[in-house]
N, C-alpha and C. Protein backbone atom coordinates (compact mmCIF):
# COMPACT_ATOMS: atom_id res chain seq x y z
N MET A 1 0.58 -21.35 15.21
CA MET A 1 0.31 -19.91 15.03
C MET A 1 1.56 -18.97 14.69
N ALA A 2 1.39 -17.90 14.55
CA ALA A 2 2.68 -16.83 13.90
C ALA A 2 3.05 -17.06 14.86
N LEU A 3 4.80 -16.10 14.53
CA LEU A 3 5.42 -15.97 15.36
C LEU A 3 5.54 -14.51 15.92
N ILE A 4 5.21 -14.14 16.74
CA ILE A 4 5.15 -12.64 16.80
C ILE A 4 6.16 -12.31 18.32
N LYS A 5 7.27 -11.66 17.96
CA LYS A 5 8.30 -11.31 18.72
C LYS A 5 8.35 -9.66 19.10
N LYS A 6 8.67 -9.73 20.56
CA LYS A 6 9.14 -8.35 21.28
C LYS A 6 10.70 -8.03 20.65
N VAL A 7 11.20 -6.48 20.02
CA VAL A 7 12.43 -6.39 19.99
C VAL A 7 12.42 -4.91 20.06
N ARG A 8 13.56 -5.02 21.13
CA ARG A 8 14.12 -3.42 21.60
C ARG A 8 13.09 -2.70 22.51
N GLY A 9 12.28 -3.42 23.32
CA GLY A 9 11.22 -2.63 23.52
C GLY A 9 9.75 -2.64 22.95
N HIS A 10 9.50 -3.14 21.46
CA HIS A 10 8.24 -2.95 21.30
C HIS A 10 8.36 -4.43 20.73
N GLU A 11 6.36 -4.07 21.06
CA GLU A 11 6.35 -5.69 20.72
C GLU A 11 4.85 -5.02 19.86
N PRO A 12 4.43 -6.18 19.17
CA PRO A 12 3.57 -5.85 17.93
C PRO A 12 1.90 -6.03 18.39
N GLN A 13 1.22 -5.35 17.88
CA GLN A 13 0.21 -4.94 17.60
C GLN A 13 -0.62 -5.46 16.76
N ILE A 14 -1.99 -5.93 17.16
CA ILE A 14 -2.47 -6.78 15.93
C ILE A 14 -4.19 -6.17 16.15
N GLY A 15 -4.80 -5.61 15.23
CA GLY A 15 -6.55 -5.35 15.43
C GLY A 15 -6.90 -6.50 15.39
N GLU A 16 -8.31 -6.14 15.71
CA GLU A 16 -9.42 -7.38 15.95
C GLU A 16 -9.65 -7.98 14.16
N ASN A 17 -9.71 -9.24 14.24
CA ASN A 17 -10.43 -9.97 13.30
C ASN A 17 -9.08 -9.67 11.90
N THR A 18 -8.23 -10.12 12.69
CA THR A 18 -7.06 -10.02 11.27
C THR A 18 -6.43 -11.35 11.61
N PHE A 19 -6.39 -12.21 10.32
CA PHE A 19 -5.98 -13.45 10.45
C PHE A 19 -4.15 -13.44 10.19
N LEU A 20 -3.52 -14.00 10.89
CA LEU A 20 -2.15 -14.48 10.73
C LEU A 20 -2.21 -15.64 10.65
N ALA A 21 -1.44 -16.00 9.55
CA ALA A 21 -0.97 -17.17 9.29
C ALA A 21 -0.03 -18.11 10.15
N GLU A 22 0.30 -19.50 9.92
CA GLU A 22 1.01 -20.06 11.22
C GLU A 22 2.70 -19.57 10.50
N THR A 23 2.65 -19.20 9.96
CA THR A 23 4.58 -19.29 9.49
C THR A 23 4.70 -17.64 9.01
N ALA A 24 3.63 -17.09 9.53
CA ALA A 24 3.80 -15.44 9.35
C ALA A 24 4.74 -14.89 10.61
N VAL A 25 5.50 -13.83 10.31
CA VAL A 25 6.73 -13.69 11.14
C VAL A 25 6.47 -12.13 11.71
N ILE A 26 6.30 -11.80 12.47
CA ILE A 26 5.76 -10.46 12.98
C ILE A 26 6.71 -9.70 14.37
N ILE A 27 7.91 -9.15 14.13
CA ILE A 27 8.47 -8.41 14.77
C ILE A 27 8.61 -7.44 15.00
N GLY A 28 8.98 -6.62 16.15
CA GLY A 28 9.02 -5.49 17.12
C GLY A 28 8.31 -4.68 16.72
N ASP A 29 8.37 -2.98 16.43
CA ASP A 29 7.72 -2.11 16.20
C ASP A 29 6.87 -2.30 14.61
N VAL A 30 5.46 -2.89 15.34
CA VAL A 30 4.70 -3.15 13.84
C VAL A 30 3.36 -3.07 14.03
N LYS A 31 2.57 -2.24 13.70
CA LYS A 31 0.88 -2.04 14.31
C LYS A 31 0.33 -2.44 13.22
N ILE A 32 -0.58 -3.27 12.89
CA ILE A 32 -1.73 -3.52 12.18
C ILE A 32 -3.17 -3.52 12.28
N GLY A 33 -3.66 -2.99 11.68
CA GLY A 33 -5.13 -2.56 11.90
C GLY A 33 -5.95 -3.49 11.77
N SER A 34 -7.43 -3.51 11.68
CA SER A 34 -8.51 -4.67 11.88
C SER A 34 -8.77 -4.96 10.41
N ASP A 35 -9.23 -6.22 10.33
CA ASP A 35 -9.81 -6.72 9.31
C ASP A 35 -8.64 -7.14 8.47
N CYS A 36 -7.26 -7.38 8.74
CA CYS A 36 -6.51 -7.82 7.67
C CYS A 36 -6.17 -9.17 8.00
N SER A 37 -4.93 -9.42 6.64
CA SER A 37 -4.45 -10.55 6.66
C SER A 37 -3.12 -10.61 6.79
N ILE A 38 -2.22 -11.23 7.37
CA ILE A 38 -0.96 -11.55 6.77
C ILE A 38 -0.72 -13.26 6.70
N TRP A 39 -0.12 -13.87 5.14
CA TRP A 39 -0.46 -14.73 4.80
C TRP A 39 0.71 -15.68 5.24
N TYR A 40 0.72 -16.98 5.06
CA TYR A 40 1.73 -17.76 4.94
C TYR A 40 3.25 -17.37 4.38
N ASN A 41 4.67 -17.47 5.79
CA ASN A 41 5.68 -16.89 5.07
C ASN A 41 6.21 -15.30 5.15
N ALA A 42 5.03 -14.51 4.99
CA ALA A 42 5.15 -12.61 5.05
C ALA A 42 6.13 -12.65 6.71
N VAL A 43 7.16 -11.69 6.32
CA VAL A 43 8.01 -11.38 7.21
C VAL A 43 7.82 -9.92 7.32
N LEU A 44 7.22 -9.40 8.55
CA LEU A 44 7.22 -7.92 9.09
C LEU A 44 8.48 -7.20 10.18
N ARG A 45 9.17 -7.00 9.53
CA ARG A 45 10.76 -7.43 10.42
C ARG A 45 10.68 -5.60 10.88
N GLY A 46 10.08 -4.90 12.33
CA GLY A 46 9.77 -4.20 12.66
C GLY A 46 10.92 -3.98 13.53
N ASP A 47 12.10 -4.30 13.53
CA ASP A 47 13.82 -4.43 14.51
C ASP A 47 13.84 -3.28 14.24
N VAL A 48 14.17 -2.01 13.62
CA VAL A 48 15.04 -0.99 13.33
C VAL A 48 14.21 0.12 13.28
N ASN A 49 12.90 0.02 12.87
CA ASN A 49 12.08 1.27 12.91
C ASN A 49 10.53 0.44 12.50
N SER A 50 9.45 1.24 12.45
CA SER A 50 7.97 1.18 12.41
C SER A 50 7.91 0.86 10.98
N ILE A 51 6.56 -0.15 11.36
CA ILE A 51 5.82 -0.92 10.06
C ILE A 51 4.43 -0.05 10.67
N THR A 52 3.63 0.56 9.59
CA THR A 52 1.96 0.64 10.24
C THR A 52 1.61 0.25 9.10
N ILE A 53 0.32 -0.52 9.41
CA ILE A 53 -1.05 -1.32 8.43
C ILE A 53 -2.23 -0.79 8.48
N GLY A 54 -2.74 -0.04 7.66
CA GLY A 54 -4.22 0.23 8.18
C GLY A 54 -5.31 -1.27 8.00
N ASP A 55 -6.66 -0.77 7.69
CA ASP A 55 -7.21 -1.52 7.75
C ASP A 55 -7.45 -2.43 6.61
N ARG A 56 -8.39 -3.83 6.81
CA ARG A 56 -8.24 -4.10 5.68
C ARG A 56 -7.11 -4.74 4.75
N THR A 57 -6.32 -4.37 4.95
CA THR A 57 -5.04 -4.83 3.97
C THR A 57 -4.70 -6.06 4.18
N ASN A 58 -4.04 -6.41 3.12
CA ASN A 58 -3.66 -7.84 3.04
C ASN A 58 -2.11 -7.84 2.38
N ILE A 59 -1.28 -8.27 2.72
CA ILE A 59 0.04 -8.71 3.14
C ILE A 59 0.11 -10.53 2.76
N GLN A 60 0.47 -10.86 1.45
CA GLN A 60 0.17 -12.22 0.69
C GLN A 60 1.41 -12.80 0.97
N ASP A 61 1.42 -14.20 0.63
CA ASP A 61 2.58 -14.98 0.98
C ASP A 61 3.86 -14.65 0.60
N GLY A 62 4.96 -15.21 1.56
CA GLY A 62 6.06 -14.65 0.94
C GLY A 62 6.93 -13.15 0.58
N THR A 63 6.21 -11.73 1.21
CA THR A 63 6.04 -10.74 1.42
C THR A 63 7.19 -10.85 2.30
N VAL A 64 8.03 -9.69 2.64
CA VAL A 64 8.72 -8.71 3.34
C VAL A 64 9.09 -7.75 3.24
N ILE A 65 8.38 -6.93 4.11
CA ILE A 65 8.43 -5.79 5.08
C ILE A 65 9.29 -5.33 5.90
N HIS A 66 10.22 -4.41 5.87
CA HIS A 66 11.39 -3.87 6.78
C HIS A 66 11.38 -2.33 6.72
N THR A 67 12.40 -2.12 7.29
CA THR A 67 12.71 -0.82 7.44
C THR A 67 14.61 -0.19 7.17
N THR A 68 14.81 1.34 7.50
CA THR A 68 15.96 1.69 7.81
C THR A 68 16.28 2.04 8.79
N PHE A 69 17.52 1.91 9.60
CA PHE A 69 17.50 2.24 10.99
C PHE A 69 17.24 3.55 11.43
N ASP A 70 16.29 3.84 12.10
CA ASP A 70 16.28 5.30 12.94
C ASP A 70 16.94 5.97 12.93
N MET A 71 18.48 5.26 13.26
CA MET A 71 19.84 6.21 13.62
C MET A 71 20.55 6.60 12.43
N SER A 72 20.48 5.69 11.06
CA SER A 72 21.26 6.11 9.89
C SER A 72 20.97 7.47 9.58
N LYS A 73 21.85 7.65 8.16
CA LYS A 73 21.85 9.20 7.91
C LYS A 73 20.31 9.09 7.02
N HIS A 74 19.79 7.97 6.51
CA HIS A 74 18.32 8.01 5.36
C HIS A 74 17.44 7.18 6.12
N PRO A 75 16.69 7.36 7.46
CA PRO A 75 16.02 6.80 7.68
C PRO A 75 14.64 6.33 7.08
N SER A 76 14.01 5.11 7.62
CA SER A 76 12.61 4.99 6.18
C SER A 76 11.67 4.10 7.64
N GLN A 77 10.46 4.21 7.80
CA GLN A 77 9.68 3.62 8.11
C GLN A 77 8.82 3.31 7.03
N ALA A 78 8.17 2.11 7.15
CA ALA A 78 7.20 1.31 6.03
C ALA A 78 5.63 1.73 6.64
N HIS A 79 4.46 2.49 5.78
CA HIS A 79 2.89 3.08 6.15
C HIS A 79 2.62 2.40 4.80
N ILE A 80 1.52 1.92 5.23
CA ILE A 80 1.12 1.23 4.14
C ILE A 80 -0.62 1.33 5.03
N GLY A 81 -1.46 1.63 3.92
CA GLY A 81 -2.68 2.38 4.11
C GLY A 81 -4.18 1.47 4.19
N ASN A 82 -5.24 1.57 4.38
CA ASN A 82 -6.51 0.77 4.22
C ASN A 82 -6.63 0.45 3.13
N ASP A 83 -6.94 -0.95 2.94
CA ASP A 83 -7.72 -1.79 1.74
C ASP A 83 -6.18 -1.60 0.67
N VAL A 84 -5.30 -2.39 1.06
CA VAL A 84 -4.60 -2.40 0.10
C VAL A 84 -4.30 -3.78 -0.14
N SER A 85 -3.45 -4.24 -1.28
CA SER A 85 -3.27 -5.85 -1.36
C SER A 85 -1.57 -5.82 -1.81
N ILE A 86 -0.89 -6.02 -1.23
CA ILE A 86 0.58 -6.52 -1.17
C ILE A 86 0.39 -8.11 -1.76
N GLY A 87 1.15 -8.20 -3.13
CA GLY A 87 0.83 -9.77 -4.02
C GLY A 87 2.23 -10.47 -2.92
N HIS A 88 2.18 -11.43 -3.64
CA HIS A 88 2.80 -12.45 -3.25
C HIS A 88 4.06 -12.28 -3.59
N ASN A 89 5.26 -12.76 -2.39
CA ASN A 89 6.63 -12.28 -2.84
C ASN A 89 7.15 -10.78 -3.17
N ALA A 90 6.72 -9.92 -2.66
CA ALA A 90 6.84 -8.78 -2.47
C ALA A 90 7.67 -7.83 -1.51
N THR A 91 9.00 -6.83 -2.10
CA THR A 91 9.41 -6.03 -0.97
C THR A 91 8.98 -5.00 -0.65
N ILE A 92 8.68 -4.94 0.29
CA ILE A 92 8.53 -3.01 0.51
C ILE A 92 8.97 -2.63 1.83
N HIS A 93 10.28 -2.07 1.49
CA HIS A 93 11.64 -1.59 2.25
C HIS A 93 11.40 0.05 2.34
N GLY A 94 11.01 0.41 3.60
CA GLY A 94 10.80 1.33 4.28
C GLY A 94 10.07 2.41 3.10
N ALA A 95 8.91 2.17 2.64
CA ALA A 95 8.28 2.90 1.85
C ALA A 95 6.59 3.39 2.56
N THR A 96 6.02 3.79 1.92
CA THR A 96 4.64 4.71 2.22
C THR A 96 3.79 4.27 0.67
N ILE A 97 3.05 3.58 1.12
CA ILE A 97 2.07 3.19 0.73
C ILE A 97 0.08 3.32 0.61
N GLY A 98 -0.04 4.59 -0.25
CA GLY A 98 -0.99 5.18 0.61
C GLY A 98 -2.45 4.16 0.57
N ASP A 99 -4.04 4.84 0.58
CA ASP A 99 -5.20 3.79 0.29
C ASP A 99 -5.26 3.36 -1.19
N LYS A 100 -5.73 1.97 -0.85
CA LYS A 100 -6.80 1.39 -2.04
C LYS A 100 -5.61 1.26 -3.30
N CYS A 101 -3.99 0.67 -2.93
CA CYS A 101 -3.16 0.23 -3.45
C CYS A 101 -2.86 -1.13 -4.16
N LEU A 102 -2.53 -1.27 -5.27
CA LEU A 102 -2.24 -3.09 -5.27
C LEU A 102 -0.69 -3.23 -5.72
N ILE A 103 0.13 -3.96 -5.14
CA ILE A 103 1.26 -3.68 -5.23
C ILE A 103 1.21 -5.21 -5.71
N GLY A 104 2.40 -5.51 -7.01
CA GLY A 104 1.57 -6.84 -7.77
C GLY A 104 2.90 -7.87 -6.80
N MET A 105 2.61 -8.87 -7.72
CA MET A 105 3.70 -10.11 -7.45
C MET A 105 5.20 -9.77 -7.62
N GLY A 106 5.89 -10.06 -6.50
CA GLY A 106 7.39 -10.01 -6.68
C GLY A 106 7.62 -8.59 -7.24
N ALA A 107 6.87 -7.21 -6.54
CA ALA A 107 7.44 -5.75 -6.83
C ALA A 107 8.19 -5.40 -5.79
N THR A 108 8.66 -4.36 -6.42
CA THR A 108 9.84 -3.87 -4.69
C THR A 108 9.72 -2.44 -4.58
N VAL A 109 9.53 -2.48 -3.61
CA VAL A 109 9.17 -0.57 -3.79
C VAL A 109 10.38 -0.34 -2.29
N LEU A 110 11.15 0.51 -2.71
CA LEU A 110 12.29 0.98 -1.71
C LEU A 110 12.09 2.03 -1.01
N ASP A 111 13.49 2.40 -0.47
CA ASP A 111 13.27 3.03 1.02
C ASP A 111 12.46 4.88 0.64
N ASN A 112 11.76 5.40 1.38
CA ASN A 112 11.22 6.37 0.96
C ASN A 112 10.50 7.06 -0.09
N ALA A 113 10.08 6.06 -1.10
CA ALA A 113 9.66 6.35 -2.03
C ALA A 113 7.98 5.99 -1.31
N VAL A 114 7.19 7.11 -1.90
CA VAL A 114 5.64 7.26 -1.94
C VAL A 114 4.73 7.24 -3.16
N VAL A 115 4.31 5.75 -2.63
CA VAL A 115 2.78 5.21 -3.63
C VAL A 115 1.48 6.06 -2.86
N PRO A 116 0.67 6.52 -4.14
CA PRO A 116 -0.39 7.39 -3.38
C PRO A 116 -1.45 6.56 -3.82
N SER A 117 -2.39 6.69 -2.78
CA SER A 117 -3.76 6.24 -3.43
C SER A 117 -4.13 5.78 -4.34
N GLY A 118 -4.41 4.63 -4.87
CA GLY A 118 -5.54 4.22 -6.32
C GLY A 118 -4.13 3.86 -7.02
N CYS A 119 -3.23 3.40 -6.58
CA CYS A 119 -1.67 3.15 -7.66
C CYS A 119 -2.04 1.72 -8.01
N ILE A 120 -1.69 1.18 -9.06
CA ILE A 120 -1.60 -0.16 -9.27
C ILE A 120 0.36 0.11 -9.67
N ILE A 121 0.72 -1.37 -8.91
CA ILE A 121 2.39 -1.14 -9.43
C ILE A 121 2.33 -2.83 -9.79
N ALA A 122 2.80 -2.89 -10.86
CA ALA A 122 2.60 -4.14 -11.63
C ALA A 122 3.63 -4.98 -10.83
N ALA A 123 3.60 -6.25 -11.57
CA ALA A 123 4.48 -7.35 -10.89
C ALA A 123 5.99 -7.52 -11.58
N ASN A 124 6.78 -7.70 -10.92
CA ASN A 124 8.14 -7.70 -10.74
C ASN A 124 8.29 -5.75 -10.84
N ALA A 125 7.92 -4.97 -11.09
CA ALA A 125 8.45 -3.81 -11.11
C ALA A 125 9.12 -3.44 -9.96
N LEU A 126 9.91 -2.25 -10.27
CA LEU A 126 11.07 -1.92 -9.37
C LEU A 126 10.45 -0.15 -8.85
N VAL A 127 10.53 0.16 -7.75
CA VAL A 127 9.93 1.70 -7.62
C VAL A 127 11.31 2.13 -6.72
N LEU A 128 12.13 3.08 -7.48
CA LEU A 128 13.63 3.45 -6.56
C LEU A 128 12.85 4.37 -5.47
N SER A 129 14.10 4.08 -4.14
CA SER A 129 14.03 5.08 -3.64
C SER A 129 13.70 6.44 -3.51
N GLY A 130 12.82 7.20 -3.02
CA GLY A 130 12.63 8.30 -3.44
C GLY A 130 11.44 9.02 -3.87
N SER A 131 11.08 8.12 -4.91
CA SER A 131 10.59 8.07 -5.53
C SER A 131 8.78 8.61 -5.15
N VAL A 132 8.21 9.29 -6.07
CA VAL A 132 7.10 9.98 -5.30
C VAL A 132 6.06 10.08 -6.70
N LEU A 133 5.34 9.19 -6.88
CA LEU A 133 4.39 8.48 -8.03
C LEU A 133 3.32 9.11 -7.91
N GLU A 134 2.26 9.02 -8.87
CA GLU A 134 1.35 9.97 -9.05
C GLU A 134 -0.10 9.16 -8.51
N PRO A 135 -1.21 9.53 -7.95
CA PRO A 135 -2.23 8.72 -7.62
C PRO A 135 -2.95 8.61 -8.42
N ASP A 136 -3.45 7.08 -8.41
CA ASP A 136 -4.39 6.68 -9.74
C ASP A 136 -3.68 6.55 -10.88
N SER A 137 -2.60 5.70 -10.44
CA SER A 137 -1.82 5.39 -11.85
C SER A 137 -1.60 4.24 -11.78
N LEU A 138 -0.82 3.77 -12.96
CA LEU A 138 -0.39 2.19 -13.51
C LEU A 138 0.86 2.20 -13.48
N TYR A 139 1.93 1.50 -12.49
CA TYR A 139 3.50 1.79 -13.17
C TYR A 139 3.70 0.57 -12.92
N ALA A 140 5.22 0.27 -14.10
CA ALA A 140 5.24 -1.58 -14.56
C ALA A 140 6.74 -0.87 -14.76
N GLY A 141 7.92 -1.87 -14.98
CA GLY A 141 8.99 -1.85 -15.20
C GLY A 141 9.99 -1.98 -14.23
N ILE A 142 11.55 -1.87 -14.66
CA ILE A 142 12.49 -1.64 -13.99
C ILE A 142 13.26 -0.61 -14.47
N PRO A 143 13.41 0.45 -13.45
CA PRO A 143 12.85 1.27 -12.38
C PRO A 143 11.09 1.28 -13.19
N ALA A 144 10.51 1.75 -12.46
CA ALA A 144 8.91 1.64 -12.66
C ALA A 144 8.90 3.03 -13.31
N LYS A 145 7.85 2.64 -14.60
CA LYS A 145 7.52 4.34 -15.13
C LYS A 145 5.70 4.16 -15.18
N LYS A 146 5.56 5.19 -15.39
CA LYS A 146 4.07 5.29 -15.77
C LYS A 146 3.27 4.91 -16.84
N ILE A 147 2.29 4.22 -16.89
CA ILE A 147 2.26 3.32 -18.03
C ILE A 147 0.69 3.89 -18.20
N LYS A 148 -0.33 4.21 -17.40
CA LYS A 148 -1.48 5.02 -17.74
C LYS A 148 -2.18 5.30 -16.23
N SER A 149 -3.13 5.96 -16.39
CA SER A 149 -4.04 6.17 -15.23
C SER A 149 -4.90 5.26 -15.01
N VAL A 150 -5.47 4.87 -13.69
CA VAL A 150 -6.14 3.67 -12.96
C VAL A 150 -7.76 4.67 -13.39
N THR A 151 -8.68 3.68 -14.33
CA THR A 151 -9.67 4.61 -14.19
C THR A 151 -10.65 3.71 -12.77
N PRO A 152 -11.83 4.76 -12.44
CA PRO A 152 -12.37 4.33 -11.38
C PRO A 152 -13.01 3.08 -11.06
N GLU A 153 -13.41 2.54 -12.63
CA GLU A 153 -14.05 1.07 -13.04
C GLU A 153 -12.26 0.10 -13.01
N GLN A 154 -11.60 0.37 -13.03
CA GLN A 154 -10.31 -0.30 -12.90
C GLN A 154 -9.96 -0.55 -11.59
N ARG A 155 -10.12 0.72 -10.63
CA ARG A 155 -9.94 0.63 -9.50
C ARG A 155 -11.08 -0.10 -8.62
N GLN A 156 -12.22 -0.21 -8.99
CA GLN A 156 -13.04 -0.95 -8.28
C GLN A 156 -12.90 -2.51 -8.80
N GLU A 157 -12.39 -2.90 -9.70
CA GLU A 157 -12.61 -4.21 -10.53
C GLU A 157 -11.21 -4.83 -9.51
N ILE A 158 -10.28 -3.84 -10.16
CA ILE A 158 -8.58 -4.62 -9.71
C ILE A 158 -8.46 -4.46 -8.66
N ILE A 159 -8.57 -3.09 -7.80
CA ILE A 159 -7.91 -3.20 -6.43
C ILE A 159 -8.46 -3.06 -5.24
N GLU A 160 -9.81 -2.58 -5.32
CA GLU A 160 -10.97 -2.77 -4.07
C GLU A 160 -11.74 -4.33 -4.27
N ARG A 161 -11.75 -5.12 -5.49
CA ARG A 161 -11.84 -6.45 -5.72
C ARG A 161 -11.06 -7.12 -4.98
N THR A 162 -9.83 -7.07 -4.94
CA THR A 162 -8.86 -8.04 -4.34
C THR A 162 -8.54 -7.89 -2.83
N ALA A 163 -8.92 -6.65 -2.53
CA ALA A 163 -9.04 -6.53 -1.05
C ALA A 163 -10.04 -7.25 -0.31
N ARG A 164 -11.48 -7.10 -1.29
CA ARG A 164 -12.63 -7.66 -0.91
C ARG A 164 -12.41 -9.15 -0.38
N ASP A 165 -12.07 -9.64 -1.95
CA ASP A 165 -11.67 -11.66 -1.95
C ASP A 165 -10.56 -11.55 -1.33
N TYR A 166 -9.52 -10.89 -0.67
CA TYR A 166 -8.24 -11.72 0.26
C TYR A 166 -9.54 -11.57 2.16
N ARG A 167 -10.36 -10.80 2.03
CA ARG A 167 -11.12 -10.80 3.56
C ARG A 167 -11.70 -11.75 3.44
N LEU A 168 -12.63 -11.88 2.21
CA LEU A 168 -13.12 -13.89 2.10
C LEU A 168 -12.01 -14.83 3.02
N TYR A 169 -11.12 -14.62 1.61
CA TYR A 169 -10.28 -15.96 2.06
C TYR A 169 -9.65 -16.16 3.27
N ALA A 170 -9.16 -14.92 4.44
CA ALA A 170 -9.17 -15.12 5.45
C ALA A 170 -10.07 -15.52 6.13
N SER A 171 -11.23 -15.53 5.93
CA SER A 171 -12.13 -15.75 6.62
C SER A 171 -12.47 -17.28 6.67
N TRP A 172 -12.23 -17.73 5.47
CA TRP A 172 -12.34 -19.36 5.62
C TRP A 172 -11.14 -20.01 6.50
N PHE A 173 -10.29 -19.91 6.64
CA PHE A 173 -8.71 -19.94 7.37
C PHE A 173 -9.17 -19.27 8.67
N MET A 174 -9.85 -18.52 9.15
CA MET A 174 -10.19 -17.70 10.58
C MET A 174 -11.60 -18.88 11.17
N GLU A 175 -12.45 -19.63 9.99
CA GLU A 175 -13.15 -20.12 10.85
C GLU A 175 -12.80 -21.42 11.09
N GLU A 176 -11.25 -21.89 10.40
CA GLU A 176 -10.88 -23.14 10.66
C GLU A 176 -10.19 -23.58 11.94
N GLN A 177 -9.33 -21.93 11.95
CA GLN A 177 -9.03 -21.75 13.43
C GLN A 177 -10.04 -21.85 14.45
N ASP A 178 -11.13 -21.26 14.41
CA ASP A 178 -11.47 -21.28 15.35
C ASP A 178 -12.08 -22.78 15.87
N LYS A 179 -12.29 -23.74 14.71
CA LYS A 179 -12.50 -24.82 15.44
C LYS A 179 -11.55 -25.96 16.02
N GLN A 180 -10.50 -25.40 16.16
CA GLN A 180 -9.63 -26.50 16.47
C GLN A 180 -9.18 -25.96 18.51
């Protein structure tokens, strides 16, 4: 069973039909929507500020989501939209990720950055603090720069398919949990 911990009076809220891997860690002011999946060794640490995750979003293995303290000079919250895939070992630190985005494996998105709907952040890219990206765009590099626009076909084949596939994968694990 995932580690779910209340901190500073905030208890995580988990939406219906959401898969939590046994080694996932969800702490504090965290709200997760319905039909999501939080995978192995993912850490969602809402101890110093809030984290919200929309519906049908997957947070893959080893991902860390954190924020900056709400009493600091530059606080940040993490807001992740609907139908988002956050790849293995990514770090989201107090950033806003719009609907239907894919954040690649090992990518880092820093405080108060805004990744609008339809974006793909390439593997190992670094989105700097305070960056405001263009919607429906592919970003790569360190620091991340726009490479090209994402076509409707790419959005459907890459972003939407990945989110849909992860709902399927989660169903396999939930079936096994139901049997136990």
